[in-house]
Amino acid sequence: MISAMTSILVLLAMVALAAALVRYARHDRFAGPAVRAPHRDDLGRSTSARLVS
């Protein structure tokens, strides 16, 4: 039979694991593909460095 202390330790470990997984999943929230890749218009031209003419 599992003792009460072992149950508490297992529960605490599971909560810590869940918190770590959520933190890992959310750490890259603002660094999606739009941040890494240049923005392109409908014709495929880069719009990030376009000069006004």
N, C-alpha and C. Protein backbone atom coordinates (compact mmCIF):
# COMPACT_ATOMS: atom_id res chain seq x y z
N MET A 1 0.83 -1.18 0.00
CA MET A 1 0.00 0.00 0.00
C MET A 1 0.89 1.26 0.00
N ILE A 2 0.46 2.22 -0.74
CA ILE A 2 1.23 3.47 -0.83
C ILE A 2 0.95 4.33 0.40
N SER A 3 2.01 4.81 0.99
CA SER A 3 1.82 5.63 2.19
C SER A 3 1.38 7.05 1.81
N ALA A 4 0.92 7.78 2.78
CA ALA A 4 0.42 9.14 2.56
C ALA A 4 1.54 10.07 2.09
N MET A 5 2.73 9.90 2.64
CA MET A 5 3.84 10.77 2.27
C MET A 5 4.27 10.52 0.81
N THR A 6 4.26 9.27 0.41
CA THR A 6 4.59 8.95 -0.98
C THR A 6 3.55 9.54 -1.93
N SER A 7 2.30 9.49 -1.55
CA SER A 7 1.23 10.07 -2.37
C SER A 7 1.41 11.58 -2.52
N ILE A 8 1.74 12.23 -1.41
CA ILE A 8 1.96 13.68 -1.45
C ILE A 8 3.16 14.02 -2.34
N LEU A 9 4.24 13.25 -2.24
CA LEU A 9 5.42 13.51 -3.06
C LEU A 9 5.13 13.29 -4.55
N VAL A 10 4.37 12.25 -4.86
CA VAL A 10 4.01 11.99 -6.25
C VAL A 10 3.12 13.11 -6.78
N LEU A 11 2.16 13.54 -5.99
CA LEU A 11 1.28 14.64 -6.39
C LEU A 11 2.08 15.93 -6.60
N LEU A 12 3.01 16.21 -5.71
CA LEU A 12 3.85 17.40 -5.85
C LEU A 12 4.72 17.33 -7.10
N ALA A 13 5.25 16.16 -7.39
CA ALA A 13 6.06 15.99 -8.59
C ALA A 13 5.22 16.17 -9.86
N MET A 14 3.99 15.67 -9.83
CA MET A 14 3.11 15.83 -11.00
C MET A 14 2.73 17.29 -11.22
N VAL A 15 2.48 18.03 -10.15
CA VAL A 15 2.16 19.46 -10.26
C VAL A 15 3.37 20.22 -10.80
N ALA A 16 4.57 19.89 -10.31
CA ALA A 16 5.77 20.55 -10.80
C ALA A 16 6.01 20.25 -12.28
N LEU A 17 5.76 19.02 -12.68
CA LEU A 17 5.91 18.65 -14.09
C LEU A 17 4.90 19.40 -14.97
N ALA A 18 3.66 19.48 -14.51
CA ALA A 18 2.64 20.21 -15.28
C ALA A 18 3.01 21.68 -15.39
N ALA A 19 3.50 22.28 -14.31
CA ALA A 19 3.89 23.69 -14.34
C ALA A 19 5.07 23.90 -15.30
N ALA A 20 6.01 22.98 -15.31
CA ALA A 20 7.16 23.09 -16.22
C ALA A 20 6.72 22.96 -17.67
N LEU A 21 5.79 22.05 -17.94
CA LEU A 21 5.30 21.90 -19.31
C LEU A 21 4.55 23.14 -19.79
N VAL A 22 3.73 23.73 -18.93
CA VAL A 22 3.02 24.95 -19.30
C VAL A 22 4.00 26.09 -19.52
N ARG A 23 4.98 26.20 -18.66
CA ARG A 23 5.98 27.27 -18.81
C ARG A 23 6.77 27.10 -20.11
N TYR A 24 7.13 25.87 -20.44
CA TYR A 24 7.85 25.62 -21.67
C TYR A 24 6.98 25.92 -22.89
N ALA A 25 5.72 25.55 -22.83
CA ALA A 25 4.82 25.78 -23.97
C ALA A 25 4.58 27.26 -24.21
N ARG A 26 4.62 28.08 -23.17
CA ARG A 26 4.32 29.51 -23.31
C ARG A 26 5.57 30.37 -23.45
N HIS A 27 6.79 29.83 -23.30
CA HIS A 27 8.00 30.66 -23.29
C HIS A 27 8.25 31.32 -24.64
N ASP A 28 7.78 30.71 -25.72
CA ASP A 28 8.06 31.22 -27.05
C ASP A 28 6.85 31.92 -27.64
N ARG A 29 6.04 32.50 -26.78
CA ARG A 29 4.76 33.06 -27.18
C ARG A 29 4.86 34.16 -28.23
N PHE A 30 5.84 35.04 -28.11
CA PHE A 30 5.93 36.18 -29.02
C PHE A 30 6.98 35.98 -30.11
N ALA A 31 7.56 34.81 -30.22
CA ALA A 31 8.59 34.57 -31.22
C ALA A 31 8.10 33.55 -32.24
N GLY A 32 6.94 33.79 -32.78
CA GLY A 32 6.39 32.89 -33.78
C GLY A 32 7.00 33.14 -35.15
N PRO A 33 6.49 32.50 -36.18
CA PRO A 33 7.03 32.63 -37.53
C PRO A 33 7.03 34.07 -38.05
N ALA A 34 6.07 34.88 -37.63
CA ALA A 34 6.01 36.26 -38.13
C ALA A 34 7.19 37.09 -37.62
N VAL A 35 7.75 36.73 -36.49
CA VAL A 35 8.88 37.47 -35.95
C VAL A 35 10.17 37.08 -36.67
N ARG A 36 10.30 35.81 -37.03
CA ARG A 36 11.54 35.32 -37.64
C ARG A 36 11.59 35.53 -39.15
N ALA A 37 10.46 35.51 -39.80
CA ALA A 37 10.42 35.60 -41.26
C ALA A 37 10.02 37.01 -41.68
N PRO A 38 10.59 37.51 -42.78
CA PRO A 38 10.19 38.84 -43.24
C PRO A 38 8.75 38.82 -43.75
N HIS A 39 8.04 39.92 -43.52
CA HIS A 39 6.65 40.01 -43.98
C HIS A 39 6.63 40.18 -45.49
N ARG A 40 5.78 39.44 -46.16
CA ARG A 40 5.69 39.49 -47.62
C ARG A 40 4.28 39.87 -48.02
N ASP A 41 4.17 40.64 -49.13
CA ASP A 41 2.85 41.00 -49.63
C ASP A 41 2.29 39.87 -50.50
N ASP A 42 1.19 40.13 -51.19
CA ASP A 42 0.52 39.08 -51.98
C ASP A 42 1.36 38.59 -53.15
N LEU A 43 2.29 39.40 -53.63
CA LEU A 43 3.14 39.01 -54.75
C LEU A 43 4.46 38.39 -54.30
N GLY A 44 4.65 38.25 -53.00
CA GLY A 44 5.85 37.61 -52.48
C GLY A 44 7.01 38.56 -52.26
N ARG A 45 6.77 39.86 -52.40
CA ARG A 45 7.85 40.84 -52.18
C ARG A 45 7.95 41.18 -50.71
N SER A 46 9.16 41.38 -50.24
CA SER A 46 9.37 41.75 -48.84
C SER A 46 8.90 43.17 -48.62
N THR A 47 8.13 43.38 -47.57
CA THR A 47 7.62 44.72 -47.27
C THR A 47 8.32 45.35 -46.09
N SER A 48 9.25 44.63 -45.45
CA SER A 48 9.88 45.16 -44.26
C SER A 48 10.91 46.24 -44.56
N ALA A 49 11.54 46.20 -45.72
CA ALA A 49 12.58 47.17 -46.04
C ALA A 49 12.22 48.00 -47.27
N ARG A 50 10.94 48.09 -47.56
CA ARG A 50 10.53 48.83 -48.76
C ARG A 50 10.67 50.33 -48.52
N LEU A 51 11.28 51.02 -49.47
CA LEU A 51 11.45 52.47 -49.39
C LEU A 51 10.25 53.15 -50.05
N VAL A 52 9.86 54.27 -49.50
CA VAL A 52 8.76 55.03 -50.09
C VAL A 52 9.31 55.83 -51.26
N SER A 53 8.69 55.66 -52.42
CA SER A 53 9.18 56.40 -53.59
C SER A 53 8.10 57.24 -54.20
